[in-house]
Protein backbone atom coordinates (compact mmCIF):
# COMPACT_ATOMS: atom_id res chain seq x y z
CA MET A 1 119.15 99.08 96.44
CA LYS A 2 117.99 98.91 92.83
CA ARG A 3 114.75 97.20 93.86
CA VAL A 4 114.05 99.89 96.44
CA LEU A 5 114.53 102.72 93.96
CA VAL A 6 112.43 101.00 91.32
CA SER A 7 109.58 100.43 93.76
CA MET A 8 109.72 104.04 94.96
CA LEU A 9 109.71 105.33 91.38
CA PHE A 10 106.79 103.05 90.57
CA MET A 11 104.81 104.35 93.56
CA PHE A 12 105.68 107.91 92.57
CA SER A 13 104.36 107.33 89.06
CA VAL A 14 101.20 105.69 90.36
CA VAL A 15 100.42 108.22 93.07
CA ILE A 16 101.83 111.64 92.14
CA TRP A 17 103.28 111.98 88.64
CA PRO A 18 101.85 113.66 86.46
CA PHE A 19 99.31 115.75 88.34
CA GLY A 20 97.86 112.99 90.41
CA GLY A 21 99.36 109.90 88.86
CA LEU A 22 97.59 106.97 87.34
CA PHE A 23 94.99 106.98 90.10
CA SER A 24 93.89 110.43 89.02
CA VAL A 25 93.78 109.48 85.35
CA LEU A 26 91.84 106.27 85.94
CA PHE A 27 89.52 107.31 88.74
CA GLY A 28 89.46 111.12 88.48
CA LYS A 29 85.94 111.41 87.12
CA LEU A 30 84.64 108.77 89.48
CA LEU A 31 86.24 110.02 92.72
CA GLY A 32 86.49 113.75 92.01
CA GLY A 33 89.26 115.78 93.61
CA GLY A 34 91.49 118.64 92.61
CA PRO A 35 93.45 121.37 94.39
CA SER A 36 91.25 121.08 97.46
CA GLU A 37 92.80 117.66 98.14
CA SER A 38 96.39 118.94 98.06
CA PHE A 39 96.71 118.21 101.80
CA ILE A 40 96.98 114.52 100.86
CA PHE A 41 100.41 114.91 99.20
CA PRO A 42 102.34 114.40 102.48
CA ILE A 43 100.43 111.14 102.89
CA TYR A 44 101.40 110.17 99.35
CA THR A 45 105.03 110.89 100.18
CA GLY A 46 104.73 108.62 103.20
CA LEU A 47 103.28 105.87 101.01
CA ILE A 48 106.21 106.18 98.61
CA LEU A 49 108.73 105.95 101.45
CA LEU A 50 106.82 103.06 103.00
CA ALA A 51 106.94 101.16 99.71
CA GLY A 52 110.73 101.60 99.65
CA LEU A 53 111.01 100.45 103.26
CA VAL A 54 108.91 97.33 102.64
CA VAL A 55 111.00 96.37 99.62
CA ALA A 56 114.26 97.02 101.50
CA CYS A 57 113.19 94.87 104.44
CA THR A 58 111.96 92.12 102.13
CA SER A 59 115.28 92.13 100.26
CA ILE A 60 117.22 91.83 103.52
CA ILE A 61 115.02 88.95 104.70
CA LEU A 62 115.38 87.15 101.35
CA ASP A 63 119.17 87.50 101.46
CA GLU A 64 119.23 86.06 104.98
CA ILE A 65 117.03 83.14 103.97
CA LYS A 66 119.29 82.43 100.99
CA SER A 67 122.41 82.49 103.16
CA LEU A 68 120.80 80.17 105.73
CA LYS A 69 119.74 77.81 102.95
CA GLU A 70 123.32 77.72 101.61
CA GLU A 71 124.65 76.98 105.10
CA LEU A 72 122.23 74.09 105.50
CA HIS A 73 123.29 72.61 102.18
CA LYS A 74 126.98 72.82 103.14
CA HIS A 75 126.46 70.80 106.28
């Protein structure tokens, strides 16, 4: 669960916080933007949730692989 929250907080800091996130700071002059692109924030929210889902699924798969590996070593 900790990995999921960390990844979601990381995505939040990259995409949204503060006022556009790191993308806005790094590429703001190059890409333009502003209040007229506020319709994109629901998409950003979806990206943050998707990042959490990917990390959660990856953690579950890794735990299963580790348990199968331990079972193989026992036998």
